[in-house]
C-alpha atoms as a PDB file:
ATOM      1  CA  LYS A   1      39.888-113.292-156.430  1.00  0.00           C
ATOM      2  CA  GLU A   2      43.464-114.498-156.631  1.00  0.00           C
ATOM      3  CA  HIS A   3      44.659-110.894-156.611  1.00  0.00           C
ATOM      4  CA  PHE A   4      42.835-110.289-153.308  1.00  0.00           C
ATOM      5  CA  GLU A   5      44.405-113.387-151.763  1.00  0.00           C
ATOM      6  CA  LYS A   6      47.919-112.367-152.875  1.00  0.00           C
ATOM      7  CA  GLU A   7      47.472-108.819-151.582  1.00  0.00           C
ATOM      8  CA  LEU A   8      46.305-110.145-148.201  1.00  0.00           C
ATOM      9  CA  MET A   9      49.298-112.422-147.907  1.00  0.00           C
ATOM     10  CA  LYS A  10      51.583-109.500-148.764  1.00  0.00           C
ATOM     11  CA  GLU A  11      49.855-107.187-146.254  1.00  0.00           C
ATOM     12  CA  LEU A  12      49.784-109.722-143.399  1.00  0.00           C
ATOM     13  CA  GLY A  13      53.027-111.527-144.129  1.00  0.00           C
ATOM     14  CA  CYS A  14      51.323-114.894-143.608  1.00  0.00           C
ATOM     15  CA  ASP A  15      48.695-117.231-145.055  1.00  0.00           C
ATOM     16  CA  ALA A  16      45.497-115.248-144.681  1.00  0.00           C
ATOM     17  CA  SER A  17      43.117-118.086-145.615  1.00  0.00           C
ATOM     18  CA  LYS A  18      42.361-118.997-141.996  1.00  0.00           C
ATOM     19  CA  LYS A  19      41.972-115.395-140.862  1.00  0.00           C
ATOM     20  CA  THR A  20      38.479-114.047-140.309  1.00  0.00           C
ATOM     21  CA  PHE A  21      37.403-110.622-141.458  1.00  0.00           C
ATOM     22  CA  LEU A  22      37.429-109.632-137.764  1.00  0.00           C
ATOM     23  CA  ASP A  23      41.159-110.456-137.760  1.00  0.00           C
ATOM     24  CA  LEU A  24      41.604-108.355-140.889  1.00  0.00           C
ATOM     25  CA  LYS A  25      39.712-105.466-139.294  1.00  0.00           C
ATOM     26  CA  HIS A  26      42.210-105.385-136.438  1.00  0.00           C
ATOM     27  CA  TRP A  27      45.230-105.748-138.711  1.00  0.00           C
ATOM     28  CA  CYS A  28      44.171-103.234-141.348  1.00  0.00           C
ATOM     29  CA  TRP A  29      42.240-100.588-139.406  1.00  0.00           C
ATOM     30  CA  VAL A  30      42.363-100.889-135.593  1.00  0.00           C
ATOM     31  CA  ARG A  31      45.937-101.637-134.484  1.00  0.00           C
ATOM     32  CA  PRO A  32      48.377 -98.782-133.913  1.00  0.00           C
ATOM     33  CA  HIS A  33      49.912 -97.583-137.203  1.00  0.00           C
ATOM     34  CA  ALA A  34      47.309 -99.461-139.260  1.00  0.00           C
ATOM     35  CA  ARG A  35      47.554 -98.546-142.943  1.00  0.00           C
ATOM     36  CA  GLY A  36      44.208 -99.861-144.108  1.00  0.00           C
ATOM     37  CA  PHE A  37      43.979-102.484-146.809  1.00  0.00           C
ATOM     38  CA  LEU A  38      46.138-101.387-149.762  1.00  0.00           C
ATOM     39  CA  ARG A  39      46.985 -98.230-147.757  1.00  0.00           C
ATOM     40  CA  SER A  40      43.356 -97.079-147.920  1.00  0.00           C
ATOM     41  CA  GLN A  41      43.867 -95.073-144.704  1.00  0.00           C
ATOM     42  CA  PHE A  42      46.162 -92.693-146.633  1.00  0.00           C
ATOM     43  CA  LYS A  43      44.094 -92.232-149.784  1.00  0.00           C
ATOM     44  CA  ILE A  44      41.527 -89.519-150.380  1.00  0.00           C
ATOM     45  CA  CYS A  45      37.917 -90.700-150.650  1.00  0.00           C
ATOM     46  CA  PRO A  46      36.533 -89.751-154.068  1.00  0.00           C
ATOM     47  CA  ARG A  47      33.047 -89.185-152.596  1.00  0.00           C
ATOM     48  CA  ASP A  48      33.685 -86.942-149.594  1.00  0.00           C
ATOM     49  CA  GLY A  49      37.224 -85.696-150.330  1.00  0.00           C
ATOM     50  CA  ARG A  50      38.431 -86.733-146.869  1.00  0.00           C
ATOM     51  CA  LEU A  51      41.408 -88.870-145.898  1.00  0.00           C
ATOM     52  CA  GLY A  52      40.621 -92.600-145.751  1.00  0.00           C
ATOM     53  CA  CYS A  53      38.787 -94.407-148.517  1.00  0.00           C
ATOM     54  CA  ALA A  54      36.846 -97.617-149.015  1.00  0.00           C
ATOM     55  CA  VAL A  55      38.769-100.741-150.015  1.00  0.00           C
ATOM     56  CA  VAL A  56      37.204-100.627-153.481  1.00  0.00           C
ATOM     57  CA  ASP A  57      38.668 -97.139-154.000  1.00  0.00           C
ATOM     58  CA  ALA A  58      42.127 -98.435-153.100  1.00  0.00           C
ATOM     59  CA  LEU A  59      42.043-101.217-155.698  1.00  0.00           C
ATOM     60  CA  PRO A  60      43.885-100.727-159.005  1.00  0.00           C
ATOM     61  CA  GLU A  61      41.600 -99.500-161.836  1.00  0.00           C
ATOM     62  CA  GLU A  62      41.671-102.866-163.615  1.00  0.00           C
ATOM     63  CA  HIS A  63      40.084-104.537-160.571  1.00  0.00           C
ATOM     64  CA  ARG A  64      37.207-102.052-160.214  1.00  0.00           C
ATOM     65  CA  ALA A  65      33.860-101.939-161.981  1.00  0.00           C
ATOM     66  CA  ARG A  66      30.233-101.119-161.343  1.00  0.00           C
ATOM     67  CA  ALA A  67      28.713-103.659-158.969  1.00  0.00           C
ATOM     68  CA  THR A  68      26.260-106.056-160.579  1.00  0.00           C
ATOM     69  CA  VAL A  69      25.663-108.406-157.623  1.00  0.00           C
ATOM     70  CA  PHE A  70      25.622-108.149-153.834  1.00  0.00           C
ATOM     71  CA  VAL A  71      27.650-110.618-151.784  1.00  0.00           C
ATOM     72  CA  SER A  72      26.339-111.212-148.283  1.00  0.00           C
ATOM     73  CA  TRP A  73      28.943-112.184-145.680  1.00  0.00           C
ATOM     74  CA  THR A  74      29.742-111.758-141.975  1.00  0.00           C
ATOM     75  CA  TRP A  75      32.835-110.612-140.121  1.00  0.00           C
ATOM     76  CA  SER A  76      33.283-114.126-138.663  1.00  0.00           C
ATOM     77  CA  TYR A  77      33.747-115.822-142.059  1.00  0.00           C
ATOM     78  CA  THR A  78      37.283-116.792-142.936  1.00  0.00           C
ATOM     79  CA  VAL A  79      38.949-115.491-146.058  1.00  0.00           C
ATOM     80  CA  ALA A  80      39.013-119.093-147.359  1.00  0.00           C
ATOM     81  CA  GLU A  81      35.227-119.450-146.934  1.00  0.00           C
ATOM     82  CA  VAL A  82      34.467-116.251-148.829  1.00  0.00           C
ATOM     83  CA  LEU A  83      36.926-116.994-151.639  1.00  0.00           C
ATOM     84  CA  SER A  84      35.607-120.561-151.964  1.00  0.00           C
ATOM     85  CA  ALA A  85      32.025-119.289-152.315  1.00  0.00           C
ATOM     86  CA  LEU A  86      33.114-116.717-154.921  1.00  0.00           C
ATOM     87  CA  ARG A  87      35.014-119.334-156.908  1.00  0.00           C
ATOM     88  CA  ALA A  88      31.987-121.684-156.842  1.00  0.00           C
ATOM     89  CA  TRP A  89      29.691-118.905-158.025  1.00  0.00           C
END
């Protein structure tokens, strides 16, 4: 969780805690010259072999594993809200 927060701050160049996931969508994928989160726009997807992969595929190996739970969230949640819920869980 802390890794995600640090990577966001590095990507955005500011405190990302008050940003919503809609803000992140614009920054990472919609704006001109968007690179995706962790440069996911430039990585090959391991499932379809095409350019552009999911965020999970862009994470370093040590931060990936088989999913064991599903986290429900909405685009209007702030990064701080999601991280707080994950820390409490």
